[in-house]
Each structure stands twice: as structure tokens, then as C-alpha cells.
Amino acid sequence: MPASVLAPRIEVKVLDSRLHEWGLPCYQTEMAAALDLHACVENSIILHPQAPAQLIPSGIAVYIGCEHIAALLMPRSGMGHKKGLVLGNTVGLIDADYTAQVMISAWNRNPIGSEPIVITPGERIAQLMFVPVVRPVLDVVDTFSATTARGEGGFGSTGTGREP
């Protein structure tokens, strides 16, 4: 890691001792942006297509303790693309003061009639990425202090780039 990159310390509490066998959450490659999380379930879980999302324990809790850092819980790319496994809330946000177990909301996005997704104990199903947080002070105004070329153009006002 370059000396210029700050590496904050985050406390991790192991709640499921099987993680010591399966491997604690870690970066899978030298330049990976997120830690992989395991499904800490007792038995395989079957996610049927389009059924409600299920909460799956990760076996860890984190204490970030700094209002300028948060964690994002995201699906693993391959699981989403190849199997259709995504998060029920698309992206989970873990605030700096949240210290309970990290739970993974797993959902099978495939169409009804597709094969179910089977999640086995210890399978890596999600990832956790720590990100900086900017907490601006909000100033309530009647008129903005500057104008822009786009202004109040709204949704789609810049086009698609394919218009004649």
C-alpha cells in the first residue's frame, strides 16, 4: 500500500467461530476494494425466484467509530451476473455507530420458473467496502448562490447522446 494512503483501523467482532475455519473476511486480491463475507447459516438456504429476500448472518459485527467512514454491503459481481443473487435492498449501508451483526439481505432476482439459488454454509455471497463520508452543513436558502447551464432541467434533460 502506498505510504500516502491512510488505512483507518476498524474493529471486527467474530460472532460465528466457523469463520476461523472458513477464513475471516479479507480482500481476495492485492487490489480488491471490498472484503468478502460468508453466509453464516446452519443449513443450506434455498432462495426461490422472486420470493421475498431473506436475511443471512455474516458472522461479524464491525465498529467503525468515525462519522467520516461508512461501510457499503454489496453483492458479489459473479453471483449476481451468473446466478441472479443480489441484495434485497440493492446496497446496504452500515453507519459508523452500528455495532450489531452485519446481515445480508439476499434475493433471487431471476424470473419465476427459474432454478432456485442454494446458499451453503460458509459460501462467500456478499462484500463489504469501507468508504469516506462527507457530512456537509446544510444551508437553507430561497435562491441558490449561483446558476448552472443545466439549471432545473430535470430527469433526462441532458439527453442520451444519440439524438440527431
Protein backbone atom coordinates (compact mmCIF):
# COMPACT_ATOMS: atom_id res chain seq x y z
CA MET A 1 0.00 0.00 0.00
CA PRO A 2 1.43 3.42 -0.90
CA ALA A 3 2.55 5.40 2.14
CA SER A 4 0.18 8.25 1.18
CA VAL A 5 -2.93 6.11 1.65
CA LEU A 6 -4.43 6.30 5.12
CA ALA A 7 -5.53 2.92 6.48
CA PRO A 8 -8.01 3.53 9.31
CA ARG A 9 -8.45 0.87 11.98
CA ILE A 10 -11.87 -0.82 12.08
CA GLU A 11 -12.79 -3.17 14.91
CA VAL A 12 -14.29 -6.53 13.86
CA LYS A 13 -16.04 -8.86 16.28
CA VAL A 14 -16.26 -12.52 15.18
CA LEU A 15 -19.74 -13.78 16.11
CA ASP A 16 -19.52 -17.15 14.39
CA SER A 17 -16.47 -19.26 15.27
CA ARG A 18 -16.71 -21.15 11.95
CA LEU A 19 -15.15 -18.07 10.33
CA HIS A 20 -11.84 -19.14 11.85
CA GLU A 21 -12.07 -22.27 9.65
CA TRP A 22 -13.61 -20.69 6.56
CA GLY A 23 -11.46 -17.60 6.71
CA LEU A 24 -12.10 -14.23 8.26
CA PRO A 25 -13.42 -11.57 5.90
CA CYS A 26 -10.50 -10.48 3.76
CA TYR A 27 -9.53 -8.89 0.49
CA GLN A 28 -9.26 -11.69 -2.09
CA THR A 29 -6.64 -9.91 -4.21
CA GLU A 30 -3.95 -7.32 -3.58
CA MET A 31 -6.04 -4.51 -5.08
CA ALA A 32 -9.56 -5.66 -4.17
CA ALA A 33 -11.81 -2.85 -2.93
CA ALA A 34 -14.04 -4.93 -0.65
CA LEU A 35 -13.92 -7.77 1.85
CA ASP A 36 -15.84 -10.94 1.01
CA LEU A 37 -18.46 -12.04 3.54
CA HIS A 38 -19.56 -15.60 4.25
CA ALA A 39 -23.07 -16.94 4.72
CA CYS A 40 -23.02 -17.99 8.37
CA VAL A 41 -26.03 -20.28 8.24
CA GLU A 42 -26.52 -23.67 9.88
CA ASN A 43 -28.03 -25.35 6.80
CA SER A 44 -28.31 -24.51 3.12
CA ILE A 45 -30.84 -21.82 2.29
CA ILE A 46 -32.93 -22.00 -0.85
CA LEU A 47 -33.86 -18.71 -2.47
CA HIS A 48 -36.73 -19.17 -4.89
CA PRO A 49 -37.02 -16.75 -7.82
CA GLN A 50 -38.88 -13.56 -6.92
CA ALA A 51 -39.59 -14.77 -3.36
CA PRO A 52 -39.07 -12.26 -0.55
CA ALA A 53 -35.48 -11.52 0.41
CA GLN A 54 -34.00 -13.45 3.32
CA LEU A 55 -31.63 -12.09 5.95
CA ILE A 56 -28.44 -14.11 6.18
CA PRO A 57 -25.98 -13.57 9.03
CA SER A 58 -22.40 -12.67 8.10
CA GLY A 59 -20.98 -13.85 11.41
CA ILE A 60 -19.33 -10.49 12.11
CA ALA A 61 -20.07 -7.12 13.64
CA VAL A 62 -17.99 -4.02 12.98
CA TYR A 63 -17.34 -0.86 14.92
CA ILE A 64 -16.29 1.93 12.57
CA GLY A 65 -16.44 4.69 15.17
CA CYS A 66 -15.73 7.60 12.81
CA GLU A 67 -18.52 9.70 11.29
CA HIS A 68 -16.37 10.17 8.17
CA ILE A 69 -16.37 6.45 7.32
CA ALA A 70 -19.25 4.12 6.43
CA ALA A 71 -19.43 0.61 5.02
CA LEU A 72 -21.38 -0.49 1.98
CA LEU A 73 -22.68 -4.03 1.73
CA MET A 74 -22.90 -5.15 -1.89
CA PRO A 75 -23.49 -8.35 -3.84
CA ARG A 76 -20.54 -10.18 -5.33
CA SER A 77 -20.50 -9.41 -9.05
CA GLY A 78 -20.18 -13.01 -10.23
CA MET A 79 -23.02 -14.20 -8.01
CA GLY A 80 -25.34 -11.53 -9.37
CA HIS A 81 -24.41 -11.97 -13.02
CA LYS A 82 -24.11 -15.76 -13.16
CA LYS A 83 -26.73 -16.83 -10.62
CA GLY A 84 -29.02 -13.83 -10.12
CA LEU A 85 -28.16 -13.41 -6.44
CA VAL A 86 -28.46 -9.76 -5.44
CA LEU A 87 -29.18 -7.86 -2.26
CA GLY A 88 -32.81 -7.29 -1.35
CA ASN A 89 -32.04 -3.63 -0.70
CA THR A 90 -29.55 -3.31 -3.62
CA VAL A 91 -26.87 -1.81 -1.36
CA GLY A 92 -26.73 -1.97 2.41
CA LEU A 93 -25.39 0.97 4.40
CA ILE A 94 -23.59 0.42 7.69
CA ASP A 95 -23.28 3.62 9.69
CA ALA A 96 -20.26 4.32 11.86
CA ASP A 97 -22.27 3.77 15.06
CA TYR A 98 -23.94 0.47 14.05
CA THR A 99 -22.42 -2.41 16.03
CA ALA A 100 -24.88 -5.29 15.62
CA GLN A 101 -24.23 -8.24 13.33
CA VAL A 102 -23.90 -7.40 9.64
CA MET A 103 -26.86 -9.08 7.96
CA ILE A 104 -27.02 -9.80 4.24
CA SER A 105 -30.41 -9.34 2.59
CA ALA A 106 -30.24 -11.97 -0.18
CA TRP A 107 -32.71 -12.06 -3.06
CA ASN A 108 -33.07 -14.21 -6.18
CA ARG A 109 -33.84 -11.71 -8.95
CA ASN A 110 -34.41 -14.39 -11.60
CA PRO A 111 -37.86 -14.75 -13.19
CA ILE A 112 -40.42 -17.14 -11.74
CA GLY A 113 -39.85 -20.60 -13.17
CA SER A 114 -36.05 -20.30 -12.97
CA GLU A 115 -33.96 -22.56 -10.77
CA PRO A 116 -33.67 -21.58 -7.11
CA ILE A 117 -30.35 -20.37 -5.73
CA VAL A 118 -28.89 -22.53 -3.00
CA ILE A 119 -26.66 -20.79 -0.46
CA THR A 120 -24.47 -23.14 1.55
CA PRO A 121 -22.87 -22.57 4.95
CA GLY A 122 -19.60 -20.66 4.53
CA GLU A 123 -20.22 -19.59 0.93
CA ARG A 124 -18.95 -16.11 0.09
CA ILE A 125 -22.09 -14.26 -1.01
CA ALA A 126 -21.54 -10.54 -0.43
CA GLN A 127 -18.83 -7.96 0.03
CA LEU A 128 -18.19 -5.12 2.42
CA MET A 129 -16.48 -1.92 1.28
CA PHE A 130 -15.47 0.97 3.53
CA VAL A 131 -15.95 4.43 2.03
CA PRO A 132 -15.34 8.03 3.06
CA VAL A 133 -18.36 10.06 4.13
CA VAL A 134 -18.75 13.79 3.65
CA ARG A 135 -21.15 15.37 6.14
CA PRO A 136 -21.85 18.89 4.85
CA VAL A 137 -23.64 21.58 6.78
CA LEU A 138 -26.92 22.34 5.01
CA ASP A 139 -27.76 26.00 4.44
CA VAL A 140 -31.47 26.62 3.80
CA VAL A 141 -31.87 29.27 1.07
CA ASP A 142 -34.66 30.74 -1.03
CA THR A 143 -32.40 31.16 -4.07
CA PHE A 144 -29.15 29.38 -4.92
CA SER A 145 -26.00 31.49 -4.88
CA ALA A 146 -25.11 30.52 -8.48
CA THR A 147 -26.77 29.25 -11.65
CA THR A 148 -25.75 26.45 -13.99
CA ALA A 149 -26.23 25.74 -17.70
CA ARG A 150 -28.48 22.79 -16.86
CA GLY A 151 -30.42 24.65 -14.18
CA GLU A 152 -33.65 22.91 -13.29
CA GLY A 153 -33.67 20.73 -16.44
CA GLY A 154 -34.70 17.64 -14.51
CA PHE A 155 -34.62 13.97 -15.39
CA GLY A 156 -33.43 13.24 -18.91
CA SER A 157 -32.75 16.88 -19.69
CA THR A 158 -29.23 16.15 -20.99
CA GLY A 159 -30.49 13.54 -23.48
CA THR A 160 -28.92 10.21 -24.38
CA GLY A 161 -26.23 11.40 -26.75
CA ARG A 162 -27.94 9.61 -29.65
CA GLU A 163 -30.38 12.29 -30.79
CA PRO A 164 -29.97 13.58 -34.35
